Protein backbone atom coordinates (compact mmCIF):
# COMPACT_ATOMS: atom_id res chain seq x y z
CA MET A 1 11.66 -5.90 -18.96
CA PRO A 2 14.35 -6.47 -16.26
CA ASP A 3 16.38 -9.64 -16.37
CA ALA A 4 15.70 -12.74 -14.29
CA GLN A 5 18.04 -11.57 -11.53
CA SER A 6 15.48 -8.89 -10.68
CA THR A 7 13.06 -11.54 -9.44
CA THR A 8 15.40 -13.11 -6.88
CA PRO A 9 14.65 -12.51 -3.17
CA SER A 10 17.87 -10.50 -2.76
CA ALA A 11 16.51 -7.91 -5.21
CA PHE A 12 13.87 -6.78 -2.70
CA THR A 13 15.90 -4.37 -0.60
CA THR A 14 14.06 -1.03 -0.33
CA PRO A 15 15.82 0.64 2.67
CA PHE A 16 12.95 2.21 4.63
CA PRO A 17 13.02 1.00 8.26
CA LEU A 18 9.75 1.43 10.13
CA PRO A 19 9.15 2.84 13.62
CA SER A 20 8.24 0.51 16.47
CA LEU A 21 4.72 -0.89 16.42
CA THR A 22 3.71 1.21 19.41
CA ASP A 23 4.99 4.34 17.65
CA GLN A 24 3.11 3.33 14.52
CA ALA A 25 -0.09 3.02 16.54
CA GLU A 26 0.39 6.47 18.01
CA ARG A 27 1.02 7.85 14.55
CA LEU A 28 -2.30 6.48 13.29
CA ILE A 29 -4.09 7.90 16.33
CA GLU A 30 -2.40 11.28 15.83
CA LEU A 31 -3.52 11.31 12.19
CA GLY A 32 -7.10 10.68 13.27
CA VAL A 33 -7.58 7.21 11.81
CA PRO A 34 -9.74 6.00 14.75
CA ALA A 35 -11.98 9.06 14.56
CA LEU A 36 -12.41 8.74 10.80
CA THR A 37 -13.05 5.01 10.69
CA GLY A 38 -14.64 4.13 14.02
CA ILE A 39 -11.88 1.78 15.18
CA ASP A 40 -11.08 1.94 18.88
CA ALA A 41 -7.83 3.77 19.72
CA GLY A 42 -7.42 1.75 22.92
CA GLU A 43 -7.69 -1.53 21.01
CA LEU A 44 -5.16 -0.26 18.48
CA ARG A 45 -2.69 0.59 21.25
CA ALA A 46 -3.27 -2.77 22.95
CA PHE A 47 -2.69 -4.65 19.71
CA ALA A 48 0.58 -2.81 19.07
CA GLU A 49 1.81 -3.46 22.61
CA LYS A 50 0.96 -7.16 22.45
CA ALA A 51 2.61 -7.51 19.04
CA ALA A 52 5.74 -5.64 20.07
CA GLY A 53 7.78 -8.85 20.05
CA ALA A 54 7.22 -9.40 16.33
CA PRO A 55 10.28 -9.40 14.05
CA PRO A 56 11.54 -5.87 13.36
CA GLY A 57 10.39 -4.08 10.25
CA ALA A 58 6.71 -5.02 10.47
CA LEU A 59 4.02 -2.59 9.36
CA LEU A 60 0.92 -2.13 11.50
CA ALA A 61 -2.07 -2.21 9.17
CA VAL A 62 -5.78 -1.75 9.69
CA HIS A 63 -7.96 -4.13 7.70
CA PRO A 64 -9.56 -2.39 4.69
CA ASP A 65 -13.01 -3.41 5.93
CA ALA A 66 -12.37 -1.21 8.97
CA ALA A 67 -10.31 1.55 7.34
CA PRO A 68 -11.00 1.82 3.59
CA ALA A 69 -8.73 3.56 1.12
CA SER A 70 -11.15 6.46 0.67
CA ALA A 71 -10.77 7.34 4.36
CA LEU A 72 -6.99 6.87 4.51
CA ALA A 73 -5.89 8.58 1.28
CA PRO A 74 -6.63 12.18 2.44
CA LEU A 75 -4.31 11.61 5.43
CA LEU A 76 -1.28 11.18 3.17
CA ARG A 77 1.04 14.18 3.00
CA ARG A 78 3.86 15.28 0.72
CA ALA A 79 5.24 18.82 0.50
CA ASP A 80 2.40 19.84 2.86
CA LYS A 81 -0.12 18.65 0.26
CA PRO A 82 -2.83 16.18 1.33
CA GLY A 83 -3.35 12.96 -0.57
CA PHE A 84 -6.32 12.35 -2.82
CA VAL A 85 -8.06 9.73 -4.93
CA VAL A 86 -8.39 10.49 -8.65
CA VAL A 87 -11.86 11.49 -9.80
CA ASP A 88 -12.27 8.49 -12.08
CA MET A 89 -11.71 6.08 -9.20
CA ALA A 90 -14.72 6.97 -7.07
CA ASP A 91 -15.17 3.21 -6.61
CA VAL A 92 -11.75 2.87 -4.95
CA ASP A 93 -13.13 0.94 -1.98
CA ALA A 94 -14.53 -1.71 -4.32
CA PHE A 95 -10.93 -2.72 -5.15
CA THR A 96 -10.64 -5.55 -2.66
CA PRO A 97 -7.91 -8.12 -1.87
CA GLN A 98 -7.64 -10.72 -4.63
CA GLY A 99 -5.41 -13.77 -4.32
CA VAL A 100 -4.29 -12.38 -0.97
CA ASP A 101 -5.36 -13.67 2.45
CA LEU A 102 -5.57 -11.00 5.14
CA PRO A 103 -5.58 -12.00 8.82
CA GLU A 104 -8.89 -11.68 10.61
CA GLY A 105 -9.55 -8.79 12.93
CA PRO A 106 -9.21 -5.07 12.47
CA PHE A 107 -5.41 -5.02 12.91
CA TYR A 108 -2.57 -7.12 11.53
CA LEU A 109 1.11 -6.98 10.58
CA VAL A 110 2.74 -6.85 7.16
CA HIS A 111 6.36 -8.03 6.98
CA ASP A 112 9.43 -6.93 5.00
CA LEU A 113 7.90 -4.37 2.69
CA ASP A 114 9.56 -3.41 -0.56
CA ARG A 115 8.74 -0.80 -3.20
CA GLY A 116 9.75 -3.00 -6.11
CA ASP A 117 11.92 -0.45 -7.92
CA HIS A 118 13.70 -3.23 -9.81
CA LEU A 119 10.37 -4.21 -11.41
CA GLY A 120 9.86 -0.80 -13.00
CA ASN A 121 8.75 -1.13 -16.61
CA TRP A 122 6.97 -4.41 -15.92
CA SER A 123 3.22 -4.63 -16.36
CA PRO A 124 1.11 -5.89 -13.44
CA GLU A 125 0.40 -9.03 -15.46
CA GLU A 126 4.15 -9.65 -15.73
CA ALA A 127 5.03 -8.64 -12.18
CA LEU A 128 2.52 -10.75 -10.25
CA PRO A 129 4.03 -14.15 -11.12
CA ALA A 130 7.53 -12.72 -10.56
CA LEU A 131 6.55 -11.69 -7.04
CA HIS A 132 5.12 -15.12 -6.34
CA GLU A 133 8.26 -16.79 -7.71
CA ALA A 134 10.33 -14.72 -5.28
CA GLY A 135 8.15 -15.86 -2.37
CA ARG A 136 6.46 -12.49 -1.96
CA THR A 137 2.89 -11.23 -1.86
CA PRO A 138 1.67 -8.02 -3.52
CA LEU A 139 0.46 -5.23 -1.28
CA VAL A 140 -3.21 -4.37 -1.18
CA LEU A 141 -3.96 -0.68 -1.62
CA THR A 142 -4.62 0.13 2.03
CA GLU A 143 -1.31 -1.49 3.02
CA GLY A 144 0.50 0.78 0.60
CA ILE A 145 -1.26 3.79 2.10
CA HIS A 146 -0.44 2.66 5.65
CA TRP A 147 3.21 2.35 4.66
CA LEU A 148 3.24 5.94 3.40
CA LEU A 149 1.45 7.20 6.50
CA GLN A 150 4.38 5.88 8.54
CA ARG A 151 7.12 6.69 6.00
CA PRO A 152 6.02 9.47 3.59
CA ASP A 153 9.52 9.45 2.10
CA VAL A 154 8.85 6.05 0.52
CA LEU A 155 7.03 7.98 -2.21
CA GLU A 156 9.65 9.59 -4.45
CA ARG A 157 9.61 11.13 -7.89
CA ASN A 158 10.10 8.38 -10.48
CA LYS A 159 10.07 5.75 -7.71
CA CYS A 160 6.44 5.10 -6.86
CA PHE A 161 4.53 1.83 -6.74
CA MET A 162 1.46 -0.16 -7.61
CA ALA A 163 -0.64 -2.20 -5.18
CA ILE A 164 -1.76 -5.10 -7.32
CA GLY A 165 -3.09 -7.17 -4.41
CA SER A 166 -6.28 -5.11 -4.77
CA ARG A 167 -8.50 -5.53 -7.81
CA LEU A 168 -12.09 -4.85 -8.77
CA ARG A 169 -14.10 -7.86 -9.85
CA LYS A 170 -16.90 -6.99 -12.26
CA PRO A 171 -20.44 -8.47 -12.08
CA ASN A 172 -19.60 -10.94 -14.86
CA GLY A 173 -16.70 -12.33 -12.80
CA SER A 174 -13.87 -10.79 -14.81
CA PHE A 175 -11.46 -8.21 -13.41
CA ASP A 176 -11.59 -4.50 -14.14
CA ALA A 177 -8.46 -3.60 -16.14
CA ARG A 178 -7.69 -0.72 -13.78
CA THR A 179 -5.07 -1.54 -11.15
CA PRO A 180 -4.41 0.64 -8.06
CA ALA A 181 -1.20 2.63 -7.76
CA ILE A 182 0.15 5.46 -5.61
CA TRP A 183 2.31 8.17 -7.11
CA ILE A 184 2.92 11.94 -7.09
CA SER A 185 0.61 14.32 -8.92
CA ASN A 186 2.02 16.74 -11.47
CA GLY A 187 -0.98 19.02 -10.96
CA THR A 188 -2.17 18.55 -14.52
CA GLY A 189 -5.57 17.74 -15.97
CA ARG A 190 -8.35 16.95 -13.54
CA ASP A 191 -5.93 16.77 -10.61
CA GLY A 192 -5.77 20.58 -10.54
CA LYS A 193 -2.72 22.82 -10.16
CA GLU A 194 -3.29 23.06 -6.42
CA ARG A 195 -2.49 19.33 -6.14
CA LYS A 196 0.94 19.47 -7.73
CA ASP A 197 3.33 17.30 -5.68
CA ALA A 198 0.48 15.74 -3.66
CA PRO A 199 0.30 11.97 -3.07
CA LYS A 200 -2.12 10.53 -5.58
CA VAL A 201 -4.11 7.31 -5.38
CA GLY A 202 -4.98 6.33 -8.92
CA TRP A 203 -4.82 3.47 -11.34
CA CYS A 204 -2.98 2.08 -14.34
CA TRP A 205 -3.97 -0.57 -16.86
CA TRP A 206 -3.24 -4.21 -16.01
CA ASN A 207 -1.21 -4.77 -19.17
CA ASN A 208 0.66 -1.46 -19.30
CA ARG A 209 4.26 -0.78 -18.25
CA HIS A 210 5.55 2.34 -16.50
CA THR A 211 9.23 2.98 -15.81
CA TRP A 212 8.40 5.02 -12.70
CA LEU A 213 6.11 2.46 -11.03
CA GLY A 214 7.45 -0.50 -9.11
CA PHE A 215 5.30 -3.05 -7.29
CA GLY A 216 4.81 -2.91 -3.54
CA SER A 217 5.18 -6.31 -1.90
CA ALA A 218 5.87 -8.09 1.37
CA THR A 219 7.01 -11.51 2.55
CA GLY A 220 3.73 -12.12 4.35
CA ARG A 221 1.15 -11.07 6.93
CA THR A 222 0.46 -12.24 10.48
CA ALA A 223 -2.22 -11.64 13.08
CA GLY A 224 0.55 -10.34 15.32
CA LEU A 225 -0.94 -11.30 18.67
CA ASP A 226 1.53 -14.10 19.42
CA GLY A 227 4.61 -11.85 19.06
């Protein structure tokens, strides 16, 4: 496990500047997000224009109720390969925000994203309190996908990330031990050789550590309309 210095706010410094909010909106429209999810492209543009005065570095996100992970994942691209959800996560959209408050409305902003490289080899159980101690909030799965739609280069070999703000609560009230993550397929097993190097939405166990998985996080979220 990394030392205590890894949990200080200064440790969260992933250098991936985002395009302007209006450019992000056009990117989502170009990818077909409105057509796939039923959100209104004009409303998306209007939101981005009104929020243009927000602090730089904000991510434009669509609420998972309006644009679920199952609809967004195939829009991911890496090495000309489309993204996919692993076959044993057919219930991906049931992984909902837990311990995370999302702004109301179909669109909102996520601020100061970080991939959490310095938390590699931590388990989700260990990383969550460390994020909170640093004044950060874990990304939900759709936020991680939105980030990669705008900056595909955030996903790198041996530097991928989990989105532990999304979890699946079972009927008995406990949490499913699977925890969402986004990484790069090796084209093995049920992924299929044709998916080698494709962006992969999958899961890891809540108590397991992986050296190649950090923890996506942000400093917060805002409705964005007062920017």
